[in-house]
Structure formats: structure tokens, C-alpha cells
C-alpha atoms as a PDB file:
ATOM      1  CA  MET A   1     112.977  78.390  99.727  1.00  0.00           C
ATOM      2  CA  ILE A   2     112.984  76.798  96.592  1.00  0.00           C
ATOM      3  CA  GLU A   3     114.422  78.409  93.280  1.00  0.00           C
ATOM      4  CA  ARG A   4     111.995  78.124  90.357  1.00  0.00           C
ATOM      5  CA  GLU A   5     111.966  78.692  86.540  1.00  0.00           C
ATOM      6  CA  PRO A   6     110.076  82.013  85.702  1.00  0.00           C
ATOM      7  CA  TYR A   7     106.444  81.870  85.950  1.00  0.00           C
ATOM      8  CA  SER A   8     106.562  78.390  87.331  1.00  0.00           C
ATOM      9  CA  TRP A   9     103.451  78.880  89.446  1.00  0.00           C
ATOM     10  CA  ARG A  10     101.478  78.764  86.089  1.00  0.00           C
ATOM     11  CA  GLN A  11     102.253  74.980  85.704  1.00  0.00           C
ATOM     12  CA  ASP A  12     101.593  74.201  89.303  1.00  0.00           C
ATOM     13  CA  PRO A  13      97.945  72.886  89.462  1.00  0.00           C
ATOM     14  CA  ALA A  14      97.827  73.852  93.233  1.00  0.00           C
ATOM     15  CA  VAL A  15      98.350  77.397  92.552  1.00  0.00           C
ATOM     16  CA  PRO A  16      95.088  79.184  91.514  1.00  0.00           C
ATOM     17  CA  ARG A  17      95.286  81.398  88.199  1.00  0.00           C
ATOM     18  CA  PHE A  18      95.701  84.971  88.929  1.00  0.00           C
ATOM     19  CA  PRO A  19      96.786  87.990  86.958  1.00  0.00           C
ATOM     20  CA  ASP A  20     100.568  88.178  86.779  1.00  0.00           C
ATOM     21  CA  ASP A  21     100.909  90.724  84.226  1.00  0.00           C
ATOM     22  CA  ARG A  22     101.996  93.294  86.838  1.00  0.00           C
ATOM     23  CA  PRO A  23     104.194  92.884  90.000  1.00  0.00           C
ATOM     24  CA  VAL A  24     102.458  91.133  92.827  1.00  0.00           C
ATOM     25  CA  ILE A  25     103.504  91.594  96.585  1.00  0.00           C
ATOM     26  CA  ILE A  26     102.532  88.837  98.812  1.00  0.00           C
ATOM     27  CA  PHE A  27     102.417  90.093 102.437  1.00  0.00           C
ATOM     28  CA  ASP A  28     101.282  88.901 105.800  1.00  0.00           C
ATOM     29  CA  GLY A  29      97.776  90.538 106.019  1.00  0.00           C
ATOM     30  CA  LEU A  30      97.693  89.988 110.032  1.00  0.00           C
ATOM     31  CA  CYS A  31     101.247  91.723 110.639  1.00  0.00           C
ATOM     32  CA  VAL A  32     100.826  95.263 111.578  1.00  0.00           C
ATOM     33  CA  LEU A  33     104.192  95.912 110.020  1.00  0.00           C
ATOM     34  CA  CYS A  34     103.628  94.057 106.783  1.00  0.00           C
ATOM     35  CA  SER A  35     100.044  95.616 106.433  1.00  0.00           C
ATOM     36  CA  GLY A  36     101.724  99.104 107.030  1.00  0.00           C
ATOM     37  CA  TRP A  37     104.236  98.113 104.066  1.00  0.00           C
ATOM     38  CA  ALA A  38     101.134  97.232 101.971  1.00  0.00           C
ATOM     39  CA  ARG A  39      99.454 100.663 102.643  1.00  0.00           C
ATOM     40  CA  PHE A  40     102.867 102.396 102.245  1.00  0.00           C
ATOM     41  CA  ILE A  41     102.854 100.760  98.694  1.00  0.00           C
ATOM     42  CA  LEU A  42      99.173 101.837  98.055  1.00  0.00           C
ATOM     43  CA  ARG A  43      99.734 105.318  98.988  1.00  0.00           C
ATOM     44  CA  HIS A  44     103.393 105.815  96.891  1.00  0.00           C
ATOM     45  CA  ASP A  45     102.806 103.740  93.847  1.00  0.00           C
ATOM     46  CA  ARG A  46     101.201 106.349  92.054  1.00  0.00           C
ATOM     47  CA  ALA A  47     101.355 104.449  88.777  1.00  0.00           C
ATOM     48  CA  LYS A  48      99.366 101.498  90.322  1.00  0.00           C
ATOM     49  CA  ARG A  49     102.092  99.193  89.176  1.00  0.00           C
ATOM     50  CA  PHE A  50     101.903  96.711  91.995  1.00  0.00           C
ATOM     51  CA  ARG A  51      99.089  94.400  93.167  1.00  0.00           C
ATOM     52  CA  LEU A  52      98.843  93.182  96.772  1.00  0.00           C
ATOM     53  CA  LEU A  53      98.024  89.663  97.750  1.00  0.00           C
ATOM     54  CA  PRO A  54      97.518  88.689 101.412  1.00  0.00           C
ATOM     55  CA  ALA A  55      99.677  85.522 102.347  1.00  0.00           C
ATOM     56  CA  GLN A  56      96.406  84.318 104.162  1.00  0.00           C
ATOM     57  CA  SER A  57      94.200  84.174 100.911  1.00  0.00           C
ATOM     58  CA  PRO A  58      94.143  80.647  99.214  1.00  0.00           C
ATOM     59  CA  THR A  59      96.441  81.968  96.257  1.00  0.00           C
ATOM     60  CA  GLY A  60      98.976  83.525  98.712  1.00  0.00           C
ATOM     61  CA  ARG A  61      99.044  80.169 100.832  1.00  0.00           C
ATOM     62  CA  ALA A  62      99.474  78.223  97.564  1.00  0.00           C
ATOM     63  CA  LEU A  63     102.358  80.254  96.448  1.00  0.00           C
ATOM     64  CA  TYR A  64     104.131  80.218  99.799  1.00  0.00           C
ATOM     65  CA  ILE A  65     103.859  76.281  99.387  1.00  0.00           C
ATOM     66  CA  HIS A  66     104.998  76.408  95.868  1.00  0.00           C
ATOM     67  CA  TYR A  67     108.139  78.142  96.817  1.00  0.00           C
ATOM     68  CA  GLY A  68     108.788  75.821  99.764  1.00  0.00           C
ATOM     69  CA  LEU A  69     107.819  78.292 102.531  1.00  0.00           C
ATOM     70  CA  ASP A  70     106.019  77.651 105.560  1.00  0.00           C
ATOM     71  CA  PRO A  71     102.180  78.433 105.044  1.00  0.00           C
ATOM     72  CA  GLU A  72     101.652  79.403 108.551  1.00  0.00           C
ATOM     73  CA  ASP A  73     104.896  81.319 109.448  1.00  0.00           C
ATOM     74  CA  TYR A  74     105.049  84.256 107.006  1.00  0.00           C
ATOM     75  CA  GLU A  75     108.846  85.266 107.714  1.00  0.00           C
ATOM     76  CA  THR A  76     108.992  86.959 104.089  1.00  0.00           C
ATOM     77  CA  ASN A  77     107.115  88.944 101.844  1.00  0.00           C
ATOM     78  CA  ILE A  78     107.321  87.798  98.310  1.00  0.00           C
ATOM     79  CA  LEU A  79     107.594  89.894  95.257  1.00  0.00           C
ATOM     80  CA  LEU A  80     106.749  88.511  91.943  1.00  0.00           C
ATOM     81  CA  ALA A  81     108.017  90.375  89.111  1.00  0.00           C
ATOM     82  CA  ASP A  82     108.486  89.162  85.549  1.00  0.00           C
ATOM     83  CA  GLY A  83     107.883  85.873  86.524  1.00  0.00           C
ATOM     84  CA  ILE A  84     110.710  85.856  89.043  1.00  0.00           C
ATOM     85  CA  ALA A  85     109.906  85.395  92.897  1.00  0.00           C
ATOM     86  CA  TRP A  86     112.278  87.681  95.088  1.00  0.00           C
ATOM     87  CA  PHE A  87     112.229  87.100  98.748  1.00  0.00           C
ATOM     88  CA  ARG A  88     113.402  88.866 102.045  1.00  0.00           C
ATOM     89  CA  SER A  89     115.499  92.031 101.532  1.00  0.00           C
ATOM     90  CA  GLU A  90     115.635  91.723  97.795  1.00  0.00           C
ATOM     91  CA  SER A  91     111.924  91.755  97.638  1.00  0.00           C
ATOM     92  CA  VAL A  92     111.838  94.979  99.665  1.00  0.00           C
ATOM     93  CA  ILE A  93     114.806  96.769  97.752  1.00  0.00           C
ATOM     94  CA  ARG A  94     113.098  95.781  94.339  1.00  0.00           C
ATOM     95  CA  THR A  95     109.625  97.150  95.502  1.00  0.00           C
ATOM     96  CA  ALA A  96     111.187 100.385  96.532  1.00  0.00           C
ATOM     97  CA  LEU A  97     112.951 100.684  93.191  1.00  0.00           C
ATOM     98  CA  GLY A  98     109.595 100.132  91.428  1.00  0.00           C
ATOM     99  CA  LEU A  99     108.205 103.152  93.474  1.00  0.00           C
ATOM    100  CA  GLY A 100     110.796 105.264  92.087  1.00  0.00           C
ATOM    101  CA  PHE A 101     112.573 108.227  93.729  1.00  0.00           C
ATOM    102  CA  PRO A 102     113.058 108.911  96.618  1.00  0.00           C
ATOM    103  CA  TRP A 103     112.179 105.266  97.563  1.00  0.00           C
ATOM    104  CA  SER A 104     114.523 103.893  94.939  1.00  0.00           C
ATOM    105  CA  LEU A 105     117.434 104.899  97.228  1.00  0.00           C
ATOM    106  CA  ALA A 106     116.913 101.913  99.215  1.00  0.00           C
ATOM    107  CA  ALA A 107     119.054 100.372  96.438  1.00  0.00           C
ATOM    108  CA  ALA A 108     121.838 101.611  98.671  1.00  0.00           C
ATOM    109  CA  LEU A 109     121.056  98.784 101.008  1.00  0.00           C
ATOM    110  CA  ARG A 110     122.721  96.575  98.317  1.00  0.00           C
ATOM    111  CA  LEU A 111     126.210  97.920  99.471  1.00  0.00           C
ATOM    112  CA  LEU A 112     125.711  95.900 102.569  1.00  0.00           C
ATOM    113  CA  PRO A 113     126.744  92.233 102.324  1.00  0.00           C
ATOM    114  CA  PHE A 114     123.979  90.056 101.305  1.00  0.00           C
ATOM    115  CA  ALA A 115     124.343  87.964 104.547  1.00  0.00           C
ATOM    116  CA  TRP A 116     124.066  91.242 106.693  1.00  0.00           C
ATOM    117  CA  ARG A 117     120.975  92.370 104.784  1.00  0.00           C
ATOM    118  CA  GLU A 118     119.345  88.687 105.164  1.00  0.00           C
ATOM    119  CA  ARG A 119     120.327  88.644 108.916  1.00  0.00           C
ATOM    120  CA  LEU A 120     118.674  91.992 109.652  1.00  0.00           C
ATOM    121  CA  TYR A 121     115.719  91.285 107.505  1.00  0.00           C
ATOM    122  CA  GLY A 122     115.330  87.961 109.506  1.00  0.00           C
ATOM    123  CA  LEU A 123     115.681  89.560 112.909  1.00  0.00           C
ATOM    124  CA  LEU A 124     113.158  92.072 112.064  1.00  0.00           C
ATOM    125  CA  ALA A 125     110.651  89.276 110.622  1.00  0.00           C
ATOM    126  CA  ARG A 126     111.143  87.015 113.469  1.00  0.00           C
ATOM    127  CA  ASN A 127     110.174  89.890 116.124  1.00  0.00           C
ATOM    128  CA  ARG A 128     107.562  91.847 114.001  1.00  0.00           C
ATOM    129  CA  PHE A 129     104.645  90.837 116.167  1.00  0.00           C
ATOM    130  CA  ARG A 130     106.426  91.587 119.321  1.00  0.00           C
ATOM    131  CA  LEU A 131     107.792  94.914 118.162  1.00  0.00           C
ATOM    132  CA  PHE A 132     104.657  96.124 116.085  1.00  0.00           C
ATOM    133  CA  GLY A 133     101.725  93.772 116.901  1.00  0.00           C
ATOM    134  CA  ARG A 134      99.149  91.539 115.275  1.00  0.00           C
ATOM    135  CA  ARG A 135      95.804  92.726 113.460  1.00  0.00           C
ATOM    136  CA  ASP A 136      92.773  90.649 114.436  1.00  0.00           C
ATOM    137  CA  ALA A 137      91.682  90.330 110.765  1.00  0.00           C
ATOM    138  CA  CYS A 138      93.643  90.481 107.641  1.00  0.00           C
ATOM    139  CA  MET A 139      93.976  93.733 105.988  1.00  0.00           C
ATOM    140  CA  VAL A 140      91.259  94.502 103.354  1.00  0.00           C
ATOM    141  CA  PRO A 141      91.179  96.961 100.555  1.00  0.00           C
ATOM    142  CA  ALA A 142      89.661 100.436 101.401  1.00  0.00           C
ATOM    143  CA  PRO A 143      86.943 101.592  98.989  1.00  0.00           C
ATOM    144  CA  GLY A 144      88.522 102.292  95.456  1.00  0.00           C
ATOM    145  CA  GLN A 145      91.443 100.025  96.033  1.00  0.00           C
ATOM    146  CA  GLU A 146      89.904  96.777  95.251  1.00  0.00           C
ATOM    147  CA  ASP A 147      91.550  96.531  91.963  1.00  0.00           C
ATOM    148  CA  ARG A 148      94.976  96.654  93.659  1.00  0.00           C
ATOM    149  CA  PHE A 149      94.091  93.476  95.685  1.00  0.00           C
ATOM    150  CA  LEU A 150      94.190  89.739  94.639  1.00  0.00           C
ATOM    151  CA  THR A 151      92.810  86.956  96.559  1.00  0.00           C
END
């Protein structure tokens, strides 16, 4: 992963323009676990704070490349919030914080040493298809949720 300046994607001609005025979660739309996480966010984000972007979309792919990630092997979701990209366990914790109580209790995971959190996240990410399965097609928004998704 490459650390970048805030809102660096705006200066990258390879990244299509997209609305970044609210947090954006880039997720693997073919992964059952990741799509479940996206549905969880849609269900519990009552303020409609987060937008979702499948990693398989042109913008999602461009952002993976922008951050030096493999655009074919989505071992992390990315949270873009206030111009900063958050990856792996920190992405999940910050997203949970944004959902409010009781989900914000996930911040207690920060009590674990960072290396442990990342190791656990990596173990789950590497085995997610074997444990949860793979979808045949990317998750698409349900009627009425189109404004929550980017492409």
C-alpha cells in the first residue's frame, strides 16, 4: 500500500471523478463476506453517511491501483473518509465508529496490538472465499439504494 496525501486521487488522471463529499467504502462485490458487510452498512447506516463502491467498478479498480494494491486480488476494503484512505482492520473499525452505537464498540479492537489486528484481518481476507463463498456477479443496489452506490 502506498501512503498518499489527502484527496490524492483527485490529482490522479487514471482515477475517474467521483463524489467524495461523504465517506466511500470500496469493497469486493464478488465476495459473499464483503457483500454482506456492504448490506450490513446499508441496513445500519441510518444517516446514509456512507457510499459504497464495488472494487470491480472502473473507479474502484483505479483506486486500488492508485494505492498500490492488486486490482485483481481484493484482500482489503478501503474506507475513503475526509480525503484519507484507511485499509484493513482500521477501515472496518472506522466504518463501525461511523455507524454509531452499538457498532462503535468495535473500537475496542484497537486494544489489540496493531500487528495482531492486521494478522487476523489478513487471515480472514485470504480465506474469505473458502469460508464464505463467492458470488457469480457483483452486488448491485436494491431498488431505492441506487444513491448509496458509486460506479
